[in-house]
Amino acid sequence: MLVTTTMPAVLDIEASGFGRRSYPIEVGCVLPNGKTFCTLIRPEPEWVHWDPEAEKLHRISRALTEKVGKSALDVPHLLNTHLRGQTVYSDGWANDFTWIGALFEAVDLSPYFKLENLRSLLSEDEAARWHDVKQQVSGELGLQRHRASSDARVLQRTLQRLMEQREAL
């Protein structure tokens, strides 16, 4: 199954933890043409919160982000370059919106894209079937890691599958 150019861009973020003091440590996107973009983010000096439970989920250590992550100044520029003028969708919109805000605010920039809740693209029936279809797509893709670009690919393919089913009715 190929992703068509009519699919929206999808974004996913891995973070240092959950809640108010957490911050983004990895951002991944799948563009409408199916190409991916992913990068680790080096924490800013004031970003100190680290939740070991979140690390167990995404398996990204703070040491790794400090060693190979791109600077918080570079990542917003890269996102703006890749996503300029697009509406980008996220399944964890409330958290992802907050983390994108923290990233851009840290370097006093504004996003040149709009982040929306992926749920807004689904009917009630599609939303009810989302988790089952997502699990099926995830199994088919066989992605072994819980990382931002892998998760974004699963989200976009799940959306595609539901839209194809909608069109077939």
Protein backbone atom coordinates (compact mmCIF):
# COMPACT_ATOMS: atom_id res chain seq x y z
CA MET A 1 0.00 0.00 0.00
CA LEU A 2 1.53 3.33 -1.03
CA VAL A 3 0.84 6.62 0.68
CA THR A 4 -0.76 8.97 -1.81
CA THR A 5 -0.06 12.69 -2.08
CA THR A 6 -3.54 13.37 -0.72
CA MET A 7 -2.58 12.15 2.73
CA PRO A 8 -1.93 14.87 5.29
CA ALA A 9 1.37 15.31 7.07
CA VAL A 10 1.46 13.60 10.45
CA LEU A 11 3.72 14.50 13.38
CA ASP A 12 4.65 12.64 16.55
CA ILE A 13 6.78 13.73 19.49
CA GLU A 14 8.62 11.78 22.14
CA ALA A 15 9.14 13.71 25.36
CA SER A 16 11.14 13.73 28.56
CA GLY A 17 8.06 12.81 30.52
CA PHE A 18 4.47 13.78 31.03
CA GLY A 19 3.07 16.94 32.50
CA ARG A 20 4.02 20.56 32.86
CA ARG A 21 7.80 20.35 33.09
CA SER A 22 8.26 17.87 30.25
CA TYR A 23 9.78 18.90 26.93
CA PRO A 24 10.28 17.39 23.46
CA ILE A 25 13.27 15.13 22.91
CA GLU A 26 12.41 13.77 19.45
CA VAL A 27 10.13 14.89 16.66
CA GLY A 28 9.17 12.84 13.65
CA CYS A 29 6.96 13.62 10.67
CA VAL A 30 5.63 11.80 7.68
CA LEU A 31 4.99 14.20 4.83
CA PRO A 32 2.10 13.95 2.35
CA ASN A 33 4.39 12.21 -0.16
CA GLY A 34 5.36 9.56 2.42
CA LYS A 35 8.87 10.85 3.10
CA THR A 36 9.89 11.00 6.74
CA PHE A 37 11.78 13.51 8.82
CA CYS A 38 13.01 12.71 12.33
CA THR A 39 15.50 14.19 14.76
CA LEU A 40 16.47 14.01 18.38
CA ILE A 41 16.45 17.32 20.23
CA ARG A 42 19.23 18.35 22.59
CA PRO A 43 17.64 19.67 25.81
CA GLU A 44 17.97 23.33 26.61
CA PRO A 45 19.86 24.05 29.87
CA GLU A 46 16.63 24.83 31.74
CA TRP A 47 14.97 21.61 30.52
CA VAL A 48 15.89 19.33 33.42
CA HIS A 49 12.80 17.17 34.03
CA TRP A 50 13.42 13.52 33.13
CA ASP A 51 10.90 10.75 33.78
CA PRO A 52 12.38 7.21 33.80
CA GLU A 53 8.91 5.82 32.96
CA ALA A 54 8.82 7.83 29.72
CA GLU A 55 12.34 6.59 28.90
CA LYS A 56 11.14 2.99 29.32
CA LEU A 57 8.48 3.70 26.70
CA HIS A 58 10.57 5.44 24.03
CA ARG A 59 14.00 4.03 25.02
CA ILE A 60 15.76 7.33 24.41
CA SER A 61 18.21 8.31 27.14
CA ARG A 62 18.88 11.90 28.10
CA ALA A 63 22.58 11.19 27.43
CA LEU A 64 21.73 10.24 23.84
CA THR A 65 19.76 13.46 23.27
CA GLU A 66 22.64 15.48 24.70
CA LYS A 67 25.19 13.65 22.55
CA VAL A 68 23.49 13.50 19.13
CA GLY A 69 20.39 15.71 19.37
CA LYS A 70 20.10 18.79 17.20
CA SER A 71 19.94 22.09 19.05
CA ALA A 72 16.58 23.53 20.01
CA LEU A 73 17.42 26.40 17.67
CA ASP A 74 17.96 24.14 14.65
CA VAL A 75 14.87 21.95 15.04
CA PRO A 76 12.21 24.69 14.66
CA HIS A 77 13.95 25.89 11.49
CA LEU A 78 13.97 22.33 10.12
CA LEU A 79 10.29 21.84 11.00
CA ASN A 80 9.37 25.13 9.37
CA THR A 81 11.30 24.17 6.24
CA HIS A 82 9.61 20.75 5.95
CA LEU A 83 6.11 21.78 7.07
CA ARG A 84 5.72 25.40 5.92
CA GLY A 85 2.13 26.29 5.10
CA GLN A 86 0.75 22.84 5.92
CA THR A 87 -1.75 21.62 8.43
CA VAL A 88 -0.04 18.80 10.29
CA TYR A 89 -1.96 16.24 12.32
CA SER A 90 -1.17 14.57 15.63
CA ASP A 91 -2.98 11.91 17.61
CA GLY A 92 -1.70 13.34 20.90
CA TRP A 93 -2.60 16.89 19.99
CA ALA A 94 -2.83 18.35 23.50
CA ASN A 95 0.63 17.13 24.49
CA ASP A 96 2.23 17.64 21.08
CA PHE A 97 0.86 21.19 20.83
CA THR A 98 2.38 21.98 24.23
CA TRP A 99 5.73 20.42 23.32
CA ILE A 100 5.89 22.20 19.94
CA GLY A 101 5.09 25.41 21.80
CA ALA A 102 7.92 24.78 24.28
CA LEU A 103 10.36 24.07 21.46
CA PHE A 104 9.53 27.18 19.47
CA GLU A 105 9.23 29.38 22.57
CA ALA A 106 12.69 28.32 23.76
CA VAL A 107 14.22 29.99 20.70
CA ASP A 108 11.64 32.78 20.26
CA LEU A 109 10.30 31.53 16.92
CA SER A 110 6.82 30.78 15.58
CA PRO A 111 5.78 27.70 13.62
CA TYR A 112 4.99 28.25 9.95
CA PHE A 113 2.56 25.33 10.06
CA LYS A 114 -0.64 24.54 11.90
CA LEU A 115 -0.90 21.57 14.25
CA GLU A 116 -4.35 19.95 14.43
CA ASN A 117 -5.92 16.99 16.17
CA LEU A 118 -5.95 13.93 13.91
CA ARG A 119 -9.33 13.03 15.42
CA SER A 120 -10.85 15.94 13.47
CA LEU A 121 -10.37 13.91 10.25
CA LEU A 122 -12.36 10.93 11.51
CA SER A 123 -16.06 10.14 11.62
CA GLU A 124 -17.48 8.67 14.85
CA ASP A 125 -17.36 5.19 13.32
CA GLU A 126 -13.76 5.63 12.20
CA ALA A 127 -12.76 6.92 15.63
CA ALA A 128 -14.38 3.84 17.19
CA ARG A 129 -12.34 1.58 14.88
CA TRP A 130 -9.10 3.60 15.14
CA HIS A 131 -7.28 1.48 17.73
CA ASP A 132 -8.07 -1.85 16.05
CA VAL A 133 -7.00 -0.58 12.62
CA LYS A 134 -3.89 1.02 14.11
CA GLN A 135 -2.91 -2.24 15.75
CA GLN A 136 -3.40 -4.09 12.45
CA VAL A 137 -1.33 -1.52 10.51
CA SER A 138 1.40 -1.57 13.15
CA GLY A 139 1.64 -5.35 12.86
CA GLU A 140 1.79 -5.18 9.07
CA LEU A 141 4.55 -2.57 9.12
CA GLY A 142 6.51 -4.56 11.69
CA LEU A 143 8.17 -1.50 13.16
CA GLN A 144 10.16 -2.59 16.19
CA ARG A 145 10.70 0.67 17.98
CA HIS A 146 8.49 3.26 19.62
CA ARG A 147 10.02 6.35 18.06
CA ALA A 148 8.53 9.53 16.64
CA SER A 149 8.94 8.82 12.92
CA SER A 150 7.81 5.20 13.25
CA ASP A 151 4.76 6.28 15.23
CA ALA A 152 3.96 9.01 12.70
CA ARG A 153 4.16 6.45 9.87
CA VAL A 154 1.74 4.13 11.69
CA LEU A 155 -0.64 7.04 12.28
CA GLN A 156 -0.59 8.15 8.66
CA ARG A 157 -1.07 4.60 7.35
CA THR A 158 -3.92 4.01 9.80
CA LEU A 159 -5.59 7.18 8.61
CA GLN A 160 -5.05 6.09 5.01
CA ARG A 161 -6.60 2.67 5.67
CA LEU A 162 -9.67 4.25 7.27
CA MET A 163 -10.04 6.75 4.42
CA GLU A 164 -9.77 3.96 1.84
CA GLN A 165 -12.46 2.02 3.70
CA ARG A 166 -14.64 5.14 3.75
CA GLU A 167 -14.25 5.57 -0.02
CA ALA A 168 -15.07 1.90 -0.64
CA LEU A 169 -18.49 2.24 1.03
